[in-house]
């Protein structure tokens, strides 16, 4: 996937998908866990897919500093969601 991102058209599609599909859903999931809700299996599968894809983009981001801030923010957001979701699961 890294080499495909070097193509500006592929990169544009990946960024558009993130902006219009993934980020809104990630933010909705964040609101859910912030409100004490538990994640559904579908939510967990979605987050796992996003995390897996994010890891695949790491090499690309390492060589393109203009994307490092976004990458870091997404990784931090993912970590916040995972931590809060775990705390929600452990509540009785």
Protein backbone atom coordinates (compact mmCIF):
# COMPACT_ATOMS: atom_id res chain seq x y z
CA UNK A 1 0.00 0.00 0.00
CA UNK A 2 2.90 2.35 0.73
CA UNK A 3 4.07 2.52 -2.88
CA UNK A 4 0.52 3.02 -4.15
CA UNK A 5 0.24 6.15 -1.99
CA UNK A 6 3.05 7.73 -4.01
CA UNK A 7 0.52 8.07 -6.84
CA UNK A 8 -1.22 11.41 -6.24
CA UNK A 9 -4.55 10.02 -7.46
CA UNK A 10 -4.44 7.10 -5.03
CA UNK A 11 -3.40 9.41 -2.20
CA UNK A 12 -6.29 11.77 -3.00
CA UNK A 13 -8.78 8.90 -2.88
CA UNK A 14 -7.37 7.59 0.42
CA UNK A 15 -7.51 11.07 1.97
CA UNK A 16 -11.05 11.68 0.70
CA UNK A 17 -12.18 8.33 2.09
CA UNK A 18 -10.65 9.21 5.43
CA UNK A 19 -12.17 12.67 5.54
CA UNK A 20 -15.69 11.76 4.38
CA UNK A 21 -16.17 8.21 5.67
CA UNK A 22 -13.74 7.16 8.33
CA UNK A 23 -13.17 10.32 10.38
CA UNK A 24 -16.88 11.04 10.90
CA UNK A 25 -17.43 7.47 12.09
CA UNK A 26 -14.35 7.56 14.33
CA UNK A 27 -15.64 10.79 15.91
CA UNK A 28 -19.09 9.25 16.42
CA UNK A 29 -17.49 6.27 18.15
CA UNK A 30 -15.45 8.66 20.31
CA UNK A 31 -18.66 10.41 21.41
CA UNK A 32 -20.21 7.04 22.26
CA UNK A 33 -17.36 5.93 24.50
CA UNK A 34 -17.13 9.40 26.06
CA UNK A 35 -20.80 8.95 27.02
CA UNK A 36 -20.03 5.61 28.68
CA UNK A 37 -21.40 3.40 25.92
CA UNK A 38 -19.85 0.08 24.98
CA UNK A 39 -18.66 -0.66 21.47
CA UNK A 40 -20.55 -3.07 19.25
CA UNK A 41 -18.73 -5.82 17.37
CA UNK A 42 -19.20 -3.74 14.21
CA UNK A 43 -17.55 -0.73 15.87
CA UNK A 44 -14.63 -2.88 17.01
CA UNK A 45 -14.18 -4.38 13.54
CA UNK A 46 -14.21 -0.92 12.00
CA UNK A 47 -11.59 0.37 14.44
CA UNK A 48 -9.42 -2.69 13.86
CA UNK A 49 -9.57 -2.06 10.10
CA UNK A 50 -8.67 1.60 10.56
CA UNK A 51 -5.78 0.67 12.88
CA UNK A 52 -4.47 -1.92 10.43
CA UNK A 53 -4.62 0.55 7.55
CA UNK A 54 -2.97 3.23 9.64
CA UNK A 55 -0.07 0.90 10.38
CA UNK A 56 0.33 0.24 6.66
CA UNK A 57 0.62 3.99 6.03
CA UNK A 58 3.40 4.49 8.61
CA UNK A 59 6.27 4.08 6.11
CA UNK A 60 4.63 6.58 3.77
CA UNK A 61 4.12 9.09 6.58
CA UNK A 62 7.72 8.68 7.74
CA UNK A 63 8.92 9.90 4.36
CA UNK A 64 6.25 12.62 3.98
CA UNK A 65 6.43 14.99 6.96
CA UNK A 66 3.36 16.91 5.82
CA UNK A 67 1.22 13.95 6.95
CA UNK A 68 2.92 13.29 10.30
CA UNK A 69 0.65 15.58 12.31
CA UNK A 70 -2.51 13.98 10.91
CA UNK A 71 -1.09 10.49 11.45
CA UNK A 72 -0.21 11.32 15.06
CA UNK A 73 -3.65 12.81 15.75
CA UNK A 74 -5.42 9.75 14.34
CA UNK A 75 -3.21 7.39 16.34
CA UNK A 76 -3.87 9.41 19.51
CA UNK A 77 -7.61 9.44 18.84
CA UNK A 78 -7.58 5.68 18.31
CA UNK A 79 -5.72 5.24 21.60
CA UNK A 80 -8.22 7.46 23.45
CA UNK A 81 -11.14 5.47 22.06
CA UNK A 82 -9.55 2.13 22.95
CA UNK A 83 -8.74 3.25 26.49
CA UNK A 84 -12.19 4.67 27.13
CA UNK A 85 -13.92 1.65 25.57
CA UNK A 86 -11.93 -0.66 27.84
CA UNK A 87 -12.88 1.43 30.87
CA UNK A 88 -16.54 1.27 29.81
CA UNK A 89 -16.35 -2.52 29.49
CA UNK A 90 -14.91 -2.84 32.97
CA UNK A 91 -17.70 -0.81 34.58
CA UNK A 92 -20.28 -2.89 36.37
